[in-house]
Protein backbone atom coordinates (compact mmCIF):
# COMPACT_ATOMS: atom_id res chain seq x y z
CA MET A 1 8.40 91.30 191.50
CA ASN A 2 11.84 90.57 192.97
CA VAL A 3 14.83 89.85 190.77
CA VAL A 4 15.52 86.11 190.43
CA ASP A 5 18.95 84.70 189.61
CA MET A 6 18.53 81.55 187.52
CA SER A 7 22.23 81.11 186.69
CA GLY A 8 22.61 78.01 188.84
CA PHE A 9 19.56 76.41 187.26
CA VAL A 10 20.96 77.07 183.79
CA ARG A 11 24.26 75.44 184.79
CA SER A 12 22.29 72.39 185.92
CA ILE A 13 20.53 72.31 182.54
CA LEU A 14 23.89 72.08 180.78
CA LYS A 15 24.96 69.22 183.05
CA VAL A 16 21.76 67.33 182.27
CA VAL A 17 22.26 67.69 178.52
CA GLU A 18 25.88 66.58 178.79
CA SER A 19 24.79 63.49 180.75
CA HIS A 20 22.59 62.47 177.80
CA TYR A 21 25.40 62.56 175.24
CA LEU A 22 26.14 59.21 173.59
CA GLY A 23 29.03 60.22 171.36
CA ASN A 24 29.19 60.77 167.59
CA GLY A 25 26.80 63.72 167.81
CA ALA A 26 23.93 61.63 169.21
CA TYR A 27 21.84 62.06 172.36
CA CYS A 28 19.33 59.96 174.24
CA ARG A 29 16.06 61.46 175.43
CA TRP A 30 15.89 59.52 178.73
CA LEU A 31 18.52 58.11 181.09
CA TRP A 32 16.27 55.58 182.77
CA GLN A 33 13.18 53.50 182.09
CA ASP A 34 9.71 54.39 183.36
CA GLU A 35 7.58 52.08 185.50
CA MET A 36 5.76 50.69 182.45
CA GLY A 37 8.92 50.03 180.45
CA ARG A 38 7.70 52.21 177.59
CA ARG A 39 10.81 54.28 176.91
CA ARG A 40 13.19 53.62 174.04
CA LEU A 41 16.51 54.24 175.68
CA GLY A 42 19.54 55.06 173.59
CA VAL A 43 19.71 57.41 170.64
CA ASN A 44 16.39 59.17 170.07
CA GLU A 45 15.01 61.75 167.64
CA TYR A 46 13.84 64.02 170.44
CA GLY A 47 17.06 63.52 172.37
CA CYS A 48 19.14 64.74 169.42
CA ALA A 49 16.75 67.54 168.44
CA ASP A 50 16.21 68.83 171.96
CA ALA A 51 19.86 68.73 172.90
CA ALA A 52 20.45 71.11 169.99
CA ASN A 53 17.44 73.22 170.99
CA ILE A 54 18.48 73.49 174.63
CA LEU A 55 22.13 74.23 173.91
CA TYR A 56 21.06 76.96 171.50
CA THR A 57 18.71 78.48 174.08
CA ILE A 58 21.29 78.63 176.87
CA ASP A 59 23.99 79.85 174.43
CA GLU A 60 26.14 76.73 174.62
CA PHE A 61 25.57 75.78 170.99
CA VAL A 62 29.05 76.53 169.59
CA CYS A 63 31.27 73.47 169.25
CA SER A 64 34.15 72.24 167.10
CA GLU A 65 33.61 71.73 163.38
CA GLU A 66 34.01 68.01 163.89
CA GLU A 67 31.35 67.91 166.61
CA ARG A 68 29.04 70.18 164.60
CA ALA A 69 29.24 67.83 161.63
CA ALA A 70 28.54 64.85 163.91
CA ARG A 71 25.43 66.48 165.41
CA ILE A 72 24.09 67.37 161.96
CA SER A 73 24.76 63.86 160.72
CA ALA A 74 23.01 62.29 163.72
CA LEU A 75 19.86 64.32 163.09
CA ARG A 76 19.82 63.92 159.32
CA SER A 77 20.37 60.16 159.53
CA MET A 78 16.94 59.73 161.10
CA GLN A 79 15.07 60.96 158.01
CA ASP A 80 13.29 58.43 155.80
CA PRO A 81 14.83 58.92 152.32
CA GLU A 82 11.61 57.88 150.58
CA THR A 83 9.07 60.04 152.39
CA GLY A 84 11.36 62.64 153.95
CA MET A 85 9.55 62.13 157.27
CA PHE A 86 10.99 61.60 160.74
CA THR A 87 9.28 59.08 163.02
CA GLU A 88 9.31 58.50 166.78
CA GLU A 89 6.78 56.53 168.80
CA THR A 90 5.69 59.19 171.32
CA HIS A 91 4.45 61.81 168.81
CA HIS A 92 2.64 62.02 165.49
CA THR A 93 5.10 61.75 162.63
CA ILE A 94 4.26 65.29 161.46
CA HIS A 95 5.32 66.58 164.87
CA THR A 96 8.56 64.59 164.81
CA THR A 97 9.29 65.78 161.27
CA ALA A 98 8.66 69.42 162.12
CA HIS A 99 10.67 69.13 165.33
CA CYS A 100 13.70 67.53 163.70
CA ALA A 101 13.63 69.89 160.71
CA ALA A 102 13.50 72.83 163.13
CA ALA A 103 16.49 71.51 165.08
CA ILE A 104 18.48 70.95 161.89
CA GLU A 105 17.79 74.56 160.88
CA LEU A 106 19.71 75.77 163.94
CA PHE A 107 22.87 74.57 162.17
CA ASP A 108 22.02 76.67 159.07
CA VAL A 109 21.39 73.52 157.04
CA ARG A 110 18.30 71.57 156.01
CA PRO A 111 17.21 67.95 155.93
CA ILE A 112 18.82 65.97 153.14
CA TYR A 113 15.63 64.74 151.47
CA PRO A 114 12.48 66.59 150.37
CA ILE A 115 9.58 66.01 152.76
CA LYS A 116 7.48 64.20 150.18
CA GLY A 117 5.12 62.88 152.83
CA LEU A 118 3.70 66.41 153.18
CA HIS A 119 3.77 67.50 149.55
CA ARG A 120 0.08 66.80 149.02
CA TYR A 121 -0.65 69.65 151.46
CA LEU A 122 1.91 71.86 149.77
CA ASN A 123 0.46 71.33 146.32
CA SER A 124 -3.28 71.28 147.01
CA LYS A 125 -5.40 73.76 148.93
CA ASP A 126 -8.16 71.15 149.14
CA GLU A 127 -5.81 68.63 150.75
CA LEU A 128 -4.50 71.23 153.20
CA TYR A 129 -7.98 72.31 154.23
CA ALA A 130 -9.10 68.69 154.51
CA LEU A 131 -6.26 68.14 156.99
CA LEU A 132 -7.11 71.22 159.06
CA ASP A 133 -10.88 70.73 158.97
CA GLY A 134 -10.46 67.05 159.78
CA LEU A 135 -8.54 67.55 163.01
CA ASP A 136 -10.36 66.64 166.23
CA TRP A 137 -11.23 70.12 167.48
CA LYS A 138 -12.67 68.75 170.71
CA ASN A 139 -9.11 67.76 171.68
CA PRO A 140 -7.04 70.45 169.99
CA TRP A 141 -3.74 70.23 171.86
CA PRO A 142 -2.31 66.97 170.40
CA GLN A 143 -4.07 67.66 167.11
CA SER A 144 -2.16 70.94 166.77
CA HIS A 145 1.00 68.91 166.32
CA GLN A 146 -0.30 68.11 162.84
CA GLY A 147 -2.01 71.40 162.08
CA ALA A 148 1.03 73.48 163.03
CA GLY A 149 3.64 70.90 162.10
CA VAL A 150 2.72 70.81 158.43
CA TYR A 151 3.55 74.52 158.09
CA ALA A 152 6.69 74.37 160.24
CA ALA A 153 8.12 71.26 158.58
CA LEU A 154 7.74 72.65 155.06
CA THR A 155 8.99 76.08 156.14
CA ASN A 156 12.06 74.82 157.98
CA SER A 157 12.95 72.52 155.09
CA GLY A 158 12.75 75.46 152.66
CA GLU A 159 9.93 73.89 150.66
CA ALA A 160 6.99 76.13 151.59
CA ASN A 161 5.92 78.52 148.83
CA ARG A 162 3.86 81.71 148.86
CA GLU A 163 0.65 80.04 147.71
CA PHE A 164 0.84 77.40 150.42
CA CYS A 165 1.47 80.01 153.11
CA ASP A 166 -1.35 82.23 151.86
CA ASN A 167 -3.74 79.29 151.90
CA TYR A 168 -2.60 78.24 155.34
CA PHE A 169 -3.12 81.57 157.06
CA GLU A 170 -6.38 82.19 155.21
CA TRP A 171 -7.80 79.10 156.89
CA PHE A 172 -6.77 80.38 160.31
CA ARG A 173 -8.24 83.82 159.68
CA GLU A 174 -11.55 82.28 158.69
CA ASN A 175 -11.63 79.82 161.59
CA ALA A 176 -10.45 81.93 164.54
CA ASP A 177 -12.84 81.98 167.47
CA PRO A 178 -13.96 85.54 168.36
CA VAL A 179 -14.94 84.36 171.85
CA THR A 180 -11.64 82.85 173.07
CA GLY A 181 -9.16 84.07 170.45
CA PHE A 182 -8.07 80.50 169.71
CA TRP A 183 -9.16 77.89 167.18
CA LYS A 184 -11.55 76.56 165.96
CA LYS A 185 -14.53 78.92 165.67
CA GLY A 186 -17.63 77.26 167.10
CA GLU A 187 -15.55 74.82 169.15
CA SER A 188 -13.28 76.58 171.64
CA ASP A 189 -16.12 78.80 172.87
CA LYS A 190 -17.71 75.65 174.31
CA ALA A 191 -14.63 74.83 176.41
CA LYS A 192 -14.80 75.30 180.17
CA LEU A 193 -12.33 76.67 182.70
CA SER A 194 -11.35 73.32 184.16
CA ASP A 195 -8.45 70.91 184.43
CA HIS A 196 -10.29 67.99 182.86
CA ASN A 197 -12.53 67.10 179.93
CA ASP A 198 -16.24 67.80 180.16
CA GLU A 199 -19.02 65.23 179.94
CA THR A 200 -18.89 65.24 176.11
CA GLY A 201 -15.16 64.55 176.02
CA ARG A 202 -14.30 68.11 175.03
CA GLY A 203 -11.01 69.36 176.41
CA PRO A 204 -10.96 72.35 178.79
CA LEU A 205 -10.03 75.85 177.69
CA PHE A 206 -6.33 75.39 178.45
CA THR A 207 -6.12 72.66 175.80
CA TYR A 208 -7.38 75.18 173.22
CA MET A 209 -4.75 77.59 174.47
CA ALA A 210 -2.01 74.93 174.29
CA GLY A 211 -3.15 73.97 170.81
CA GLY A 212 -3.48 77.63 169.83
CA PHE A 213 0.09 78.26 170.95
CA HIS A 214 1.33 76.13 168.06
CA TYR A 215 -0.64 78.18 165.57
CA ILE A 216 0.38 81.47 167.19
CA PHE A 217 4.09 80.73 166.83
CA ASN A 218 3.49 80.07 163.13
CA HIS A 219 1.71 83.43 162.89
CA GLU A 220 4.59 85.11 164.71
CA HIS A 221 7.15 83.57 162.36
CA ALA A 222 5.24 84.72 159.29
CA HIS A 223 4.57 88.18 160.80
CA GLN A 224 0.86 87.51 160.57
CA PRO A 225 -1.55 89.23 162.99
CA MET A 226 -3.48 87.29 165.58
CA PRO A 227 -7.15 87.60 164.63
CA TYR A 228 -8.26 88.36 168.21
CA PRO A 229 -5.30 89.20 170.48
CA GLU A 230 -7.53 90.83 173.09
CA LYS A 231 -9.52 87.61 173.43
CA VAL A 232 -6.30 85.62 173.81
CA ILE A 233 -5.39 87.93 176.69
CA ASP A 234 -8.83 87.49 178.26
CA SER A 235 -8.58 83.72 178.04
CA CYS A 236 -5.06 83.58 179.48
CA ILE A 237 -5.92 85.86 182.41
CA ASP A 238 -9.03 83.80 183.12
CA MET A 239 -6.94 80.63 183.17
CA ILE A 240 -4.28 81.82 185.59
CA ASN A 241 -6.84 83.40 187.93
CA ALA A 242 -9.34 80.54 187.97
CA ASP A 243 -9.17 77.78 190.55
CA ARG A 244 -8.21 74.61 188.63
CA GLY A 245 -8.60 76.64 185.44
CA CYS A 246 -5.48 75.32 183.81
CA HIS A 247 -3.37 72.17 183.84
CA PRO A 248 -3.46 70.66 187.36
CA ARG A 249 0.31 71.16 187.73
CA PHE A 250 0.52 74.47 185.88
CA MET A 251 3.60 76.47 186.97
CA LYS A 252 4.80 73.52 189.04
CA MET A 253 6.14 71.12 186.44
CA ILE A 254 8.78 70.78 183.76
CA GLY A 255 6.99 70.51 180.45
CA PHE A 256 5.26 72.60 177.82
CA VAL A 257 2.04 74.09 179.19
CA GLU A 258 4.01 76.94 180.79
CA ILE A 259 5.61 78.11 177.54
CA ASP A 260 2.22 77.67 175.86
CA TRP A 261 0.46 80.04 178.26
CA LEU A 262 3.29 82.54 178.59
CA TYR A 263 3.95 82.81 174.86
CA CYS A 264 0.27 83.28 174.10
CA ILE A 265 -0.28 86.11 176.58
CA ASN A 266 3.07 87.80 175.99
CA ARG A 267 2.79 87.78 172.20
CA ALA A 268 -0.85 88.86 172.35
CA ARG A 269 0.08 91.89 174.43
CA ARG A 270 2.60 92.88 171.77
CA GLN A 271 -0.31 93.15 169.33
CA ALA A 272 -2.69 94.74 171.85
CA PRO A 273 -0.26 96.59 174.16
CA VAL A 274 -2.71 98.79 176.05
CA TYR A 275 -5.44 96.21 176.53
CA ARG A 276 -5.69 95.21 180.22
CA ALA A 277 -1.99 96.11 180.42
CA GLU A 278 -1.70 96.16 184.22
CA GLU A 279 -3.54 92.86 184.56
CA VAL A 280 -1.34 91.23 181.93
CA GLN A 281 1.78 92.40 183.74
CA ALA A 282 0.44 91.15 187.07
CA ALA A 283 -0.43 87.75 185.55
CA ILE A 284 3.05 87.34 184.07
CA GLU A 285 4.71 88.37 187.33
CA LYS A 286 2.54 85.89 189.25
CA PHE A 287 3.55 83.20 186.80
CA ALA A 288 7.23 84.15 187.11
CA SER A 289 7.25 83.99 190.90
CA ILE A 290 5.61 80.56 191.13
CA PHE A 291 7.40 79.00 188.17
CA THR A 292 10.93 80.11 189.06
CA ASP A 293 10.44 79.04 192.68
CA TYR A 294 9.46 75.61 191.40
CA LEU A 295 12.40 75.31 189.01
CA LEU A 296 14.85 76.23 191.75
CA SER A 297 13.38 73.48 193.95
CA VAL A 298 13.98 70.69 191.44
CA ASP A 299 16.64 68.04 192.04
CA ALA A 300 18.32 68.19 188.64
CA GLU A 301 20.01 64.79 188.91
CA LYS A 302 16.95 62.83 190.01
CA ASP A 303 13.88 64.61 188.67
CA ASP A 304 12.24 62.50 185.97
CA GLU A 305 10.85 65.38 183.93
CA MET A 306 14.11 67.32 183.97
CA ASN A 307 15.95 64.27 182.70
CA ASP A 308 13.55 63.92 179.77
CA LEU A 309 15.25 66.26 177.28
CA HIS A 310 11.98 66.96 175.49
CA MET A 311 10.16 68.02 178.64
CA LEU A 312 13.20 69.98 179.79
CA PHE A 313 13.22 71.86 176.50
CA GLY A 314 9.68 73.08 177.17
CA ALA A 315 10.71 74.53 180.52
CA VAL A 316 13.84 76.12 179.04
CA CYS A 317 11.68 77.82 176.40
CA ALA A 318 9.38 79.20 179.09
CA LEU A 319 12.36 80.59 181.00
CA ALA A 320 13.70 82.26 177.85
CA GLU A 321 10.36 83.88 177.03
CA LEU A 322 9.97 84.94 180.65
CA GLN A 323 13.36 86.66 180.64
CA ALA A 324 12.28 88.68 177.59
CA ALA A 325 8.84 89.42 179.04
CA LEU A 326 10.25 90.79 182.32
CA PRO A 327 13.39 92.79 181.46
CA GLY A 328 15.96 92.80 184.24
CA LYS A 329 14.00 90.42 186.47
CA ILE A 330 15.31 86.99 185.37
CA LEU A 331 19.10 86.86 185.59
CA THR A 332 21.38 84.39 183.80
CA GLU A 333 25.09 84.52 183.03
CA LYS A 334 24.29 84.79 179.31
CA PRO A 335 20.97 85.95 177.83
CA LEU A 336 18.65 83.09 176.89
CA ARG A 337 17.63 82.76 173.23
CA LEU A 338 14.18 81.42 172.42
CA VAL A 339 14.39 79.24 169.32
CA LEU A 340 10.92 80.43 168.24
CA ASN A 341 12.40 83.86 167.59
CA ARG A 342 14.49 82.20 164.87
CA ARG A 343 12.14 79.65 163.30
CA PRO A 344 8.77 78.01 163.99
CA PHE A 345 8.13 74.88 166.05
CA ILE A 346 8.98 73.40 169.39
């Protein structure tokens, strides 16, 4: 593929983040209301967390000691002192807790309070397995926010112990699907290559991939092997090659499904480097060409997704992983740094 210079796009990312700054270390997630009036404008958990995430990724994280302390304080102030949880209306509280704890970790500090709301999973294998078994595995993408978030939140807060981690990854070894490479065994093999749910309400294969992404980044953080990396590769190639086989706006949006797909196939090829190697490379290059063309076409000041710091963070992660996956092909003034290479959860 041709070399693509994304330096201008990265500069526009910085301008967007700066436009969301509210002072005193705090950020909003959105600048304007949606048509339904559903957005909480003003300071927001995802605004503060994703500003930190994005600035870290584009290597604009360094600031004065005063500003650093303000950003840490803004994030920590959102934690419930009784439960240790973080709450925001657009995501499950386990997701918000994991996301905020992960952002706080970028500053080499931790949340102030223990995450007591998750201690039952830390202290009991039965409780942990009840959570994982009880997730809706017909709709695994949003459910993965809980299944992956419980590990990431306790890990990024420094509370996870060896027994908890052993129990956690044992469940995923036992429940990996040998057909698709994702989770859960006996469920994801029924998913179809489609962009919509089937007649039973089961999500299509890409939702198992997007859910599986969350579990794969936990495996990567813990240096745990993927149970079936070759099957992950098969599934990802099938999705990018199939007509309507992935999200209907795949590669032409600012969000998370792109980092989900790219991370899954790129990390799987690290564990199975010779398996379908030429096809994997071709799939990633196809992705890169379409996705970067789209990003360069976006009006940074007016695009609604780009001005949602949480959605923008997903696209920034995809660009960072893409730069690493295609050495020398994605140019930026400073190398991008994927936060998942430091700690789990996005």
